[in-house]
PDB file of N, CA and C in Angstrom:
ATOM      1  N   MET A   1      -7.825 -28.478   1.353  1.00  0.00           N
ATOM      2  CA  MET A   1      -7.318 -27.309   2.132  1.00  0.00           C
ATOM      3  C   MET A   1      -5.935 -26.904   1.716  1.00  0.00           C
ATOM      4  N   ASN A   2      -5.099 -28.099   1.415  1.00  0.00           N
ATOM      5  CA  ASN A   2      -3.678 -27.753   0.867  1.00  0.00           C
ATOM      6  C   ASN A   2      -3.735 -26.871  -0.386  1.00  0.00           C
ATOM      7  N   GLU A   3      -4.698 -27.216  -1.214  1.00  0.00           N
ATOM      8  CA  GLU A   3      -4.764 -26.467  -2.470  1.00  0.00           C
ATOM      9  C   GLU A   3      -5.050 -24.929  -2.185  1.00  0.00           C
ATOM     10  N   LEU A   4      -5.824 -24.594  -1.208  1.00  0.00           N
ATOM     11  CA  LEU A   4      -6.167 -23.261  -0.844  1.00  0.00           C
ATOM     12  C   LEU A   4      -4.828 -22.589  -0.324  1.00  0.00           C
ATOM     13  N   ILE A   5      -4.080 -23.274   0.485  1.00  0.00           N
ATOM     14  CA  ILE A   5      -2.898 -22.773   1.152  1.00  0.00           C
ATOM     15  C   ILE A   5      -1.776 -22.483  -0.090  1.00  0.00           C
ATOM     16  N   GLU A   6      -1.682 -23.419  -0.907  1.00  0.00           N
ATOM     17  CA  GLU A   6      -0.921 -23.120  -2.136  1.00  0.00           C
ATOM     18  C   GLU A   6      -1.166 -22.033  -2.915  1.00  0.00           C
ATOM     19  N   LYS A   7      -2.507 -21.883  -3.134  1.00  0.00           N
ATOM     20  CA  LYS A   7      -3.044 -20.644  -3.923  1.00  0.00           C
ATOM     21  C   LYS A   7      -2.756 -19.384  -3.178  1.00  0.00           C
ATOM     22  N   VAL A   8      -2.931 -19.266  -1.779  1.00  0.00           N
ATOM     23  CA  VAL A   8      -2.633 -18.163  -1.126  1.00  0.00           C
ATOM     24  C   VAL A   8      -1.121 -17.868  -1.170  1.00  0.00           C
ATOM     25  N   GLU A   9      -0.341 -18.862  -1.008  1.00  0.00           N
ATOM     26  CA  GLU A   9       1.064 -18.595  -1.059  1.00  0.00           C
ATOM     27  C   GLU A   9       1.570 -18.183  -2.534  1.00  0.00           C
ATOM     28  N   ASP A  10       0.914 -18.763  -3.581  1.00  0.00           N
ATOM     29  CA  ASP A  10       1.170 -18.022  -4.898  1.00  0.00           C
ATOM     30  C   ASP A  10       0.825 -16.738  -4.968  1.00  0.00           C
ATOM     31  N   LEU A  11      -0.326 -16.337  -4.462  1.00  0.00           N
ATOM     32  CA  LEU A  11      -0.766 -14.934  -4.502  1.00  0.00           C
ATOM     33  C   LEU A  11       0.193 -14.008  -3.813  1.00  0.00           C
ATOM     34  N   LYS A  12       0.575 -14.398  -2.575  1.00  0.00           N
ATOM     35  CA  LYS A  12       1.657 -13.733  -1.846  1.00  0.00           C
ATOM     36  C   LYS A  12       2.822 -13.472  -2.765  1.00  0.00           C
ATOM     37  N   GLU A  13       3.363 -14.542  -3.186  1.00  0.00           N
ATOM     38  CA  GLU A  13       4.609 -14.456  -4.102  1.00  0.00           C
ATOM     39  C   GLU A  13       4.387 -13.496  -5.258  1.00  0.00           C
ATOM     40  N   THR A  14       3.211 -13.669  -5.970  1.00  0.00           N
ATOM     41  CA  THR A  14       3.046 -12.653  -7.004  1.00  0.00           C
ATOM     42  C   THR A  14       2.880 -11.316  -6.527  1.00  0.00           C
ATOM     43  N   LEU A  15       2.158 -11.047  -5.358  1.00  0.00           N
ATOM     44  CA  LEU A  15       2.200  -9.604  -4.913  1.00  0.00           C
ATOM     45  C   LEU A  15       3.530  -9.166  -4.540  1.00  0.00           C
ATOM     46  N   ASP A  16       4.377 -10.009  -3.967  1.00  0.00           N
ATOM     47  CA  ASP A  16       5.792  -9.583  -3.647  1.00  0.00           C
ATOM     48  C   ASP A  16       6.586  -9.167  -4.766  1.00  0.00           C
ATOM     49  N   LYS A  17       6.118  -9.601  -6.078  1.00  0.00           N
ATOM     50  CA  LYS A  17       6.882  -9.342  -7.208  1.00  0.00           C
ATOM     51  C   LYS A  17       6.211  -8.244  -7.967  1.00  0.00           C
ATOM     52  N   ASN A  18       5.040  -7.783  -7.576  1.00  0.00           N
ATOM     53  CA  ASN A  18       4.319  -6.763  -8.336  1.00  0.00           C
ATOM     54  C   ASN A  18       5.070  -5.524  -8.330  1.00  0.00           C
ATOM     55  N   GLU A  19       5.065  -4.937  -9.423  1.00  0.00           N
ATOM     56  CA  GLU A  19       5.905  -3.644  -9.652  1.00  0.00           C
ATOM     57  C   GLU A  19       5.432  -2.497  -8.766  1.00  0.00           C
ATOM     58  N   GLU A  20       4.060  -2.357  -8.528  1.00  0.00           N
ATOM     59  CA  GLU A  20       3.630  -1.252  -7.708  1.00  0.00           C
ATOM     60  C   GLU A  20       4.037  -1.531  -6.172  1.00  0.00           C
ATOM     61  N   ILE A  21       3.937  -2.783  -5.865  1.00  0.00           N
ATOM     62  CA  ILE A  21       4.256  -3.132  -4.368  1.00  0.00           C
ATOM     63  C   ILE A  21       5.708  -2.922  -4.115  1.00  0.00           C
ATOM     64  N   VAL A  22       6.618  -3.472  -5.100  1.00  0.00           N
ATOM     65  CA  VAL A  22       8.015  -3.289  -5.023  1.00  0.00           C
ATOM     66  C   VAL A  22       8.421  -1.794  -4.977  1.00  0.00           C
ATOM     67  N   ASN A  23       7.662  -1.023  -5.881  1.00  0.00           N
ATOM     68  CA  ASN A  23       7.865   0.422  -5.856  1.00  0.00           C
ATOM     69  C   ASN A  23       7.586   1.027  -4.591  1.00  0.00           C
ATOM     70  N   LEU A  24       6.412   0.671  -3.905  1.00  0.00           N
ATOM     71  CA  LEU A  24       6.060   1.232  -2.662  1.00  0.00           C
ATOM     72  C   LEU A  24       7.038   1.026  -1.569  1.00  0.00           C
ATOM     73  N   LYS A  25       7.524  -0.234  -1.582  1.00  0.00           N
ATOM     74  CA  LYS A  25       8.583  -0.643  -0.604  1.00  0.00           C
ATOM     75  C   LYS A  25       9.802   0.235  -0.745  1.00  0.00           C
ATOM     76  N   LYS A  26      10.228   0.430  -1.992  1.00  0.00           N
ATOM     77  CA  LYS A  26      11.433   1.123  -2.236  1.00  0.00           C
ATOM     78  C   LYS A  26      11.270   2.585  -1.868  1.00  0.00           C
ATOM     79  N   ILE A  27      10.156   3.197  -2.176  1.00  0.00           N
ATOM     80  CA  ILE A  27       9.975   4.647  -1.788  1.00  0.00           C
ATOM     81  C   ILE A  27       9.922   4.671  -0.266  1.00  0.00           C
ATOM     82  N   ASN A  28       9.253   3.627   0.385  1.00  0.00           N
ATOM     83  CA  ASN A  28       9.239   3.682   1.909  1.00  0.00           C
ATOM     84  C   ASN A  28      10.607   3.622   2.533  1.00  0.00           C
ATOM     85  N   GLU A  29      11.479   2.860   1.796  1.00  0.00           N
ATOM     86  CA  GLU A  29      12.919   2.843   2.311  1.00  0.00           C
ATOM     87  C   GLU A  29      13.491   4.201   2.205  1.00  0.00           C
ATOM     88  N   GLU A  30      13.167   4.827   1.140  1.00  0.00           N
ATOM     89  CA  GLU A  30      13.776   6.124   0.857  1.00  0.00           C
ATOM     90  C   GLU A  30      13.360   7.166   1.851  1.00  0.00           C
ATOM     91  N   ILE A  31      12.042   7.051   2.101  1.00  0.00           N
ATOM     92  CA  ILE A  31      11.475   8.019   3.269  1.00  0.00           C
ATOM     93  C   ILE A  31      12.098   7.701   4.592  1.00  0.00           C
ATOM     94  N   MET A  32      12.302   6.487   4.917  1.00  0.00           N
ATOM     95  CA  MET A  32      12.929   6.097   6.123  1.00  0.00           C
ATOM     96  C   MET A  32      14.448   6.696   6.330  1.00  0.00           C
ATOM     97  N   LYS A  33      14.959   6.950   5.131  1.00  0.00           N
ATOM     98  CA  LYS A  33      16.408   7.496   5.141  1.00  0.00           C
ATOM     99  C   LYS A  33      16.332   9.006   5.145  1.00  0.00           C
ATOM    100  N   ASP A  34      15.254   9.673   4.788  1.00  0.00           N
ATOM    101  CA  ASP A  34      15.144  11.054   4.741  1.00  0.00           C
ATOM    102  C   ASP A  34      14.754  11.658   6.222  1.00  0.00           C
ATOM    103  N   LYS A  35      15.720  11.870   6.982  1.00  0.00           N
ATOM    104  CA  LYS A  35      15.591  12.276   8.331  1.00  0.00           C
ATOM    105  C   LYS A  35      14.845  13.598   8.456  1.00  0.00           C
ATOM    106  N   GLU A  36      14.916  14.410   7.484  1.00  0.00           N
ATOM    107  CA  GLU A  36      14.320  15.701   7.598  1.00  0.00           C
ATOM    108  C   GLU A  36      12.790  15.540   7.446  1.00  0.00           C
ATOM    109  N   LEU A  37      12.445  14.768   6.494  1.00  0.00           N
ATOM    110  CA  LEU A  37      11.057  14.410   6.170  1.00  0.00           C
ATOM    111  C   LEU A  37      10.436  13.829   7.394  1.00  0.00           C
ATOM    112  N   LEU A  38      11.134  12.677   7.906  1.00  0.00           N
ATOM    113  CA  LEU A  38      10.590  12.034   9.071  1.00  0.00           C
ATOM    114  C   LEU A  38      10.484  12.989  10.247  1.00  0.00           C
ATOM    115  N   GLU A  39      11.240  14.038  10.476  1.00  0.00           N
ATOM    116  CA  GLU A  39      11.293  14.893  11.640  1.00  0.00           C
ATOM    117  C   GLU A  39      10.004  15.869  11.434  1.00  0.00           C
ATOM    118  N   GLU A  40       9.850  16.171  10.116  1.00  0.00           N
ATOM    119  CA  GLU A  40       8.612  16.948   9.914  1.00  0.00           C
ATOM    120  C   GLU A  40       7.296  16.434  10.119  1.00  0.00           C
ATOM    121  N   ILE A  41       7.317  15.051   9.677  1.00  0.00           N
ATOM    122  CA  ILE A  41       6.070  14.247   9.895  1.00  0.00           C
ATOM    123  C   ILE A  41       5.835  14.067  11.388  1.00  0.00           C
ATOM    124  N   LYS A  42       6.908  13.916  12.177  1.00  0.00           N
ATOM    125  CA  LYS A  42       6.752  13.726  13.592  1.00  0.00           C
ATOM    126  C   LYS A  42       6.333  14.971  14.271  1.00  0.00           C
ATOM    127  N   LYS A  43       6.883  16.051  13.899  1.00  0.00           N
ATOM    128  CA  LYS A  43       6.585  17.307  14.378  1.00  0.00           C
ATOM    129  C   LYS A  43       5.129  17.709  14.060  1.00  0.00           C
ATOM    130  N   TYR A  44       4.722  17.354  12.840  1.00  0.00           N
ATOM    131  CA  TYR A  44       3.332  17.651  12.450  1.00  0.00           C
ATOM    132  C   TYR A  44       2.350  16.813  13.292  1.00  0.00           C
ATOM    133  N   GLN A  45       2.693  15.555  13.572  1.00  0.00           N
ATOM    134  CA  GLN A  45       1.870  14.656  14.309  1.00  0.00           C
ATOM    135  C   GLN A  45       1.634  15.362  15.788  1.00  0.00           C
ATOM    136  N   GLU A  46       2.641  16.059  16.220  1.00  0.00           N
ATOM    137  CA  GLU A  46       2.554  16.611  17.648  1.00  0.00           C
ATOM    138  C   GLU A  46       1.838  18.010  17.666  1.00  0.00           C
ATOM    139  N   THR A  47       1.989  18.705  16.552  1.00  0.00           N
ATOM    140  CA  THR A  47       1.457  20.158  16.532  1.00  0.00           C
ATOM    141  C   THR A  47       0.230  20.304  15.567  1.00  0.00           C
ATOM    142  N   ASN A  48      -0.029  19.464  14.621  1.00  0.00           N
ATOM    143  CA  ASN A  48      -0.991  19.661  13.525  1.00  0.00           C
ATOM    144  C   ASN A  48      -0.945  21.096  12.892  1.00  0.00           C
ATOM    145  N   ASP A  49       0.340  21.578  12.656  1.00  0.00           N
ATOM    146  CA  ASP A  49       0.710  22.749  12.018  1.00  0.00           C
ATOM    147  C   ASP A  49       0.248  22.648  10.579  1.00  0.00           C
ATOM    148  N   LEU A  50      -0.641  23.452   9.969  1.00  0.00           N
ATOM    149  CA  LEU A  50      -1.156  23.196   8.609  1.00  0.00           C
ATOM    150  C   LEU A  50       0.019  23.682   7.582  1.00  0.00           C
ATOM    151  N   GLU A  51       0.886  24.585   7.981  1.00  0.00           N
ATOM    152  CA  GLU A  51       2.006  25.051   7.204  1.00  0.00           C
ATOM    153  C   GLU A  51       2.933  23.847   6.908  1.00  0.00           C
ATOM    154  N   LEU A  52       3.174  23.197   8.106  1.00  0.00           N
ATOM    155  CA  LEU A  52       4.042  21.991   7.976  1.00  0.00           C
ATOM    156  C   LEU A  52       3.440  20.940   7.228  1.00  0.00           C
ATOM    157  N   LYS A  53       2.124  20.723   7.486  1.00  0.00           N
ATOM    158  CA  LYS A  53       1.351  19.664   6.576  1.00  0.00           C
ATOM    159  C   LYS A  53       1.455  20.006   5.116  1.00  0.00           C
ATOM    160  N   ASN A  54       1.378  21.214   4.689  1.00  0.00           N
ATOM    161  CA  ASN A  54       1.490  21.544   3.331  1.00  0.00           C
ATOM    162  C   ASN A  54       2.954  21.329   2.754  1.00  0.00           C
ATOM    163  N   LYS A  55       3.924  21.538   3.695  1.00  0.00           N
ATOM    164  CA  LYS A  55       5.320  21.266   3.269  1.00  0.00           C
ATOM    165  C   LYS A  55       5.554  19.819   3.052  1.00  0.00           C
ATOM    166  N   ILE A  56       4.919  19.021   3.891  1.00  0.00           N
ATOM    167  CA  ILE A  56       5.001  17.562   3.812  1.00  0.00           C
ATOM    168  C   ILE A  56       4.332  17.011   2.574  1.00  0.00           C
ATOM    169  N   ILE A  57       3.132  17.564   2.358  1.00  0.00           N
ATOM    170  CA  ILE A  57       2.289  17.128   1.087  1.00  0.00           C
ATOM    171  C   ILE A  57       2.985  17.522  -0.066  1.00  0.00           C
ATOM    172  N   ASN A  58       3.708  18.657  -0.140  1.00  0.00           N
ATOM    173  CA  ASN A  58       4.383  19.015  -1.365  1.00  0.00           C
ATOM    174  C   ASN A  58       5.752  18.448  -1.607  1.00  0.00           C
ATOM    175  N   ASN A  59       6.184  17.565  -0.711  1.00  0.00           N
ATOM    176  CA  ASN A  59       7.492  16.906  -0.843  1.00  0.00           C
ATOM    177  C   ASN A  59       7.237  15.919  -1.814  1.00  0.00           C
ATOM    178  N   SER A  60       8.233  15.913  -2.739  1.00  0.00           N
ATOM    179  CA  SER A  60       8.164  15.012  -3.967  1.00  0.00           C
ATOM    180  C   SER A  60       8.194  13.495  -3.643  1.00  0.00           C
ATOM    181  N   LEU A  61       8.998  13.200  -2.572  1.00  0.00           N
ATOM    182  CA  LEU A  61       9.068  11.765  -2.156  1.00  0.00           C
ATOM    183  C   LEU A  61       7.755  11.400  -1.528  1.00  0.00           C
ATOM    184  N   PHE A  62       7.178  12.230  -0.635  1.00  0.00           N
ATOM    185  CA  PHE A  62       5.956  12.011  -0.107  1.00  0.00           C
ATOM    186  C   PHE A  62       4.774  11.822  -1.199  1.00  0.00           C
ATOM    187  N   GLN A  63       4.798  12.647  -2.164  1.00  0.00           N
ATOM    188  CA  GLN A  63       3.769  12.617  -3.227  1.00  0.00           C
ATOM    189  C   GLN A  63       3.945  11.226  -3.992  1.00  0.00           C
ATOM    190  N   LYS A  64       5.176  10.896  -4.218  1.00  0.00           N
ATOM    191  CA  LYS A  64       5.471   9.510  -4.998  1.00  0.00           C
ATOM    192  C   LYS A  64       4.897   8.405  -4.030  1.00  0.00           C
ATOM    193  N   TYR A  65       5.136   8.530  -2.802  1.00  0.00           N
ATOM    194  CA  TYR A  65       4.681   7.439  -1.917  1.00  0.00           C
ATOM    195  C   TYR A  65       3.189   7.378  -1.881  1.00  0.00           C
ATOM    196  N   LYS A  66       2.508   8.510  -1.851  1.00  0.00           N
ATOM    197  CA  LYS A  66       0.923   8.535  -1.784  1.00  0.00           C
ATOM    198  C   LYS A  66       0.463   7.999  -3.249  1.00  0.00           C
ATOM    199  N   HIS A  67       1.085   8.353  -4.224  1.00  0.00           N
ATOM    200  CA  HIS A  67       0.630   7.781  -5.622  1.00  0.00           C
ATOM    201  C   HIS A  67       0.836   6.408  -5.690  1.00  0.00           C
ATOM    202  N   SER A  68       1.910   5.812  -5.171  1.00  0.00           N
ATOM    203  CA  SER A  68       2.133   4.351  -5.167  1.00  0.00           C
ATOM    204  C   SER A  68       1.168   3.717  -4.206  1.00  0.00           C
ATOM    205  N   GLU A  69       1.009   4.244  -3.043  1.00  0.00           N
ATOM    206  CA  GLU A  69      -0.007   3.789  -2.150  1.00  0.00           C
ATOM    207  C   GLU A  69      -1.327   3.615  -2.736  1.00  0.00           C
ATOM    208  N   ALA A  70      -1.796   4.652  -3.360  1.00  0.00           N
ATOM    209  CA  ALA A  70      -3.100   4.493  -4.167  1.00  0.00           C
ATOM    210  C   ALA A  70      -3.191   3.401  -5.216  1.00  0.00           C
ATOM    211  N   GLU A  71      -1.993   3.244  -5.826  1.00  0.00           N
ATOM    212  CA  GLU A  71      -1.967   2.152  -6.942  1.00  0.00           C
ATOM    213  C   GLU A  71      -2.104   0.770  -6.158  1.00  0.00           C
ATOM    214  N   CYS A  72      -1.465   0.659  -4.995  1.00  0.00           N
ATOM    215  CA  CYS A  72      -1.527  -0.582  -4.203  1.00  0.00           C
ATOM    216  C   CYS A  72      -2.973  -0.849  -3.751  1.00  0.00           C
ATOM    217  N   ASN A  73      -3.620   0.290  -3.342  1.00  0.00           N
ATOM    218  CA  ASN A  73      -5.020   0.227  -2.891  1.00  0.00           C
ATOM    219  C   ASN A  73      -5.946  -0.293  -4.015  1.00  0.00           C
ATOM    220  N   PHE A  74      -5.602   0.152  -5.294  1.00  0.00           N
ATOM    221  CA  PHE A  74      -6.510  -0.467  -6.342  1.00  0.00           C
ATOM    222  C   PHE A  74      -6.236  -1.927  -6.437  1.00  0.00           C
ATOM    223  N   ILE A  75      -5.120  -2.356  -6.318  1.00  0.00           N
ATOM    224  CA  ILE A  75      -4.771  -3.834  -6.328  1.00  0.00           C
ATOM    225  C   ILE A  75      -5.604  -4.520  -5.284  1.00  0.00           C
ATOM    226  N   ILE A  76      -5.696  -4.010  -4.158  1.00  0.00           N
ATOM    227  CA  ILE A  76      -6.341  -4.530  -3.014  1.00  0.00           C
ATOM    228  C   ILE A  76      -7.901  -4.636  -3.227  1.00  0.00           C
ATOM    229  N   LEU A  77      -8.250  -3.563  -3.902  1.00  0.00           N
ATOM    230  CA  LEU A  77      -9.729  -3.535  -4.298  1.00  0.00           C
ATOM    231  C   LEU A  77     -10.029  -4.578  -5.259  1.00  0.00           C
ATOM    232  N   GLU A  78      -9.154  -4.802  -6.249  1.00  0.00           N
ATOM    233  CA  GLU A  78      -9.468  -5.854  -7.296  1.00  0.00           C
ATOM    234  C   GLU A  78      -9.400  -7.283  -6.536  1.00  0.00           C
ATOM    235  N   ILE A  79      -8.400  -7.389  -5.675  1.00  0.00           N
ATOM    236  CA  ILE A  79      -8.325  -8.779  -4.957  1.00  0.00           C
ATOM    237  C   ILE A  79      -9.661  -8.968  -4.276  1.00  0.00           C
ATOM    238  N   ASN A  80     -10.119  -7.949  -3.546  1.00  0.00           N
ATOM    239  CA  ASN A  80     -11.366  -8.101  -2.771  1.00  0.00           C
ATOM    240  C   ASN A  80     -12.482  -8.359  -3.635  1.00  0.00           C
ATOM    241  N   LYS A  81     -12.630  -7.748  -4.787  1.00  0.00           N
ATOM    242  CA  LYS A  81     -13.634  -8.013  -5.738  1.00  0.00           C
ATOM    243  C   LYS A  81     -13.685  -9.371  -6.212  1.00  0.00           C
ATOM    244  N   LYS A  82     -12.538  -9.922  -6.541  1.00  0.00           N
ATOM    245  CA  LYS A  82     -12.405 -11.282  -6.991  1.00  0.00           C
ATOM    246  C   LYS A  82     -12.783 -12.270  -5.797  1.00  0.00           C
ATOM    247  N   LEU A  83     -12.362 -12.008  -4.701  1.00  0.00           N
ATOM    248  CA  LEU A  83     -12.606 -12.866  -3.590  1.00  0.00           C
ATOM    249  C   LEU A  83     -14.109 -12.882  -3.377  1.00  0.00           C
ATOM    250  N   LYS A  84     -14.687 -11.780  -3.530  1.00  0.00           N
ATOM    251  CA  LYS A  84     -16.217 -11.629  -3.236  1.00  0.00           C
ATOM    252  C   LYS A  84     -16.865 -12.481  -4.332  1.00  0.00           C
ATOM    253  N   GLU A  85     -16.437 -12.413  -5.597  1.00  0.00           N
ATOM    254  CA  GLU A  85     -17.034 -13.234  -6.671  1.00  0.00           C
ATOM    255  C   GLU A  85     -16.896 -14.666  -6.304  1.00  0.00           C
ATOM    256  N   ILE A  86     -15.721 -15.120  -5.904  1.00  0.00           N
ATOM    257  CA  ILE A  86     -15.427 -16.512  -5.569  1.00  0.00           C
ATOM    258  C   ILE A  86     -16.392 -16.905  -4.434  1.00  0.00           C
ATOM    259  N   ASN A  87     -16.491 -16.104  -3.409  1.00  0.00           N
ATOM    260  CA  ASN A  87     -17.406 -16.403  -2.265  1.00  0.00           C
ATOM    261  C   ASN A  87     -18.754 -16.522  -2.686  1.00  0.00           C
ATOM    262  N   ASN A  88     -19.360 -15.521  -3.669  1.00  0.00           N
ATOM    263  CA  ASN A  88     -20.631 -15.656  -4.100  1.00  0.00           C
ATOM    264  C   ASN A  88     -20.972 -16.921  -4.925  1.00  0.00           C
ATOM    265  N   LYS A  89     -19.954 -17.305  -5.695  1.00  0.00           N
ATOM    266  CA  LYS A  89     -20.143 -18.538  -6.503  1.00  0.00           C
ATOM    267  C   LYS A  89     -20.250 -19.720  -5.545  1.00  0.00           C
ATOM    268  N   GLY A  90     -19.482 -19.740  -4.504  1.00  0.00           N
ATOM    269  CA  GLY A  90     -19.537 -20.842  -3.519  1.00  0.00           C
ATOM    270  C   GLY A  90     -20.862 -20.979  -2.826  1.00  0.00           C
ATOM    271  N   LYS A  91     -21.540 -19.819  -2.613  1.00  0.00           N
ATOM    272  CA  LYS A  91     -22.787 -19.768  -2.000  1.00  0.00           C
ATOM    273  C   LYS A  91     -23.907 -20.199  -2.864  1.00  0.00           C
ATOM    274  N   CYS A  92     -23.727 -19.958  -4.152  1.00  0.00           N
ATOM    275  CA  CYS A  92     -24.742 -20.347  -5.201  1.00  0.00           C
ATOM    276  C   CYS A  92     -24.733 -21.871  -5.337  1.00  0.00           C
ATOM    277  N   SER A  93     -23.653 -22.497  -5.329  1.00  0.00           N
ATOM    278  CA  SER A  93     -23.566 -23.846  -5.544  1.00  0.00           C
ATOM    279  C   SER A  93     -23.978 -24.901  -4.452  1.00  0.00           C
ATOM    280  N   LYS A  94     -24.280 -24.265  -3.200  1.00  0.00           N
ATOM    281  CA  LYS A  94     -24.708 -25.024  -2.089  1.00  0.00           C
ATOM    282  C   LYS A  94     -26.080 -25.393  -2.158  1.00  0.00           C
TER     283      LYS A  94
END
C-alpha cells in the first residue's frame, strides 16, 4: 500500500510540474486579476446575454484559458486510459 501512495505522490508532483498545468494556473491567475473580464462573466451568468457571451469568448485571455484547459483535459484522458489498463490487467491476473 505504501508503494501505491508513493506512486500517487510522484504522479501529483509530476503533474504539478507539467507545462500545460503550470500554464493553466498562470492564465487562471491572470484572469483573476482582470476585473473587467470577471465582471463580464458574472454579468453573463446573471443575464445569459448572447452578445456578452460572444465578447467573453472572443477575449484573448479567455481563449488561451480554454485552449490550456483542453490540453489539461487530454492529460486527464490519458491518465484515465492508463489507469483503466492497469485495472484491467489486475482483473486478468486474479
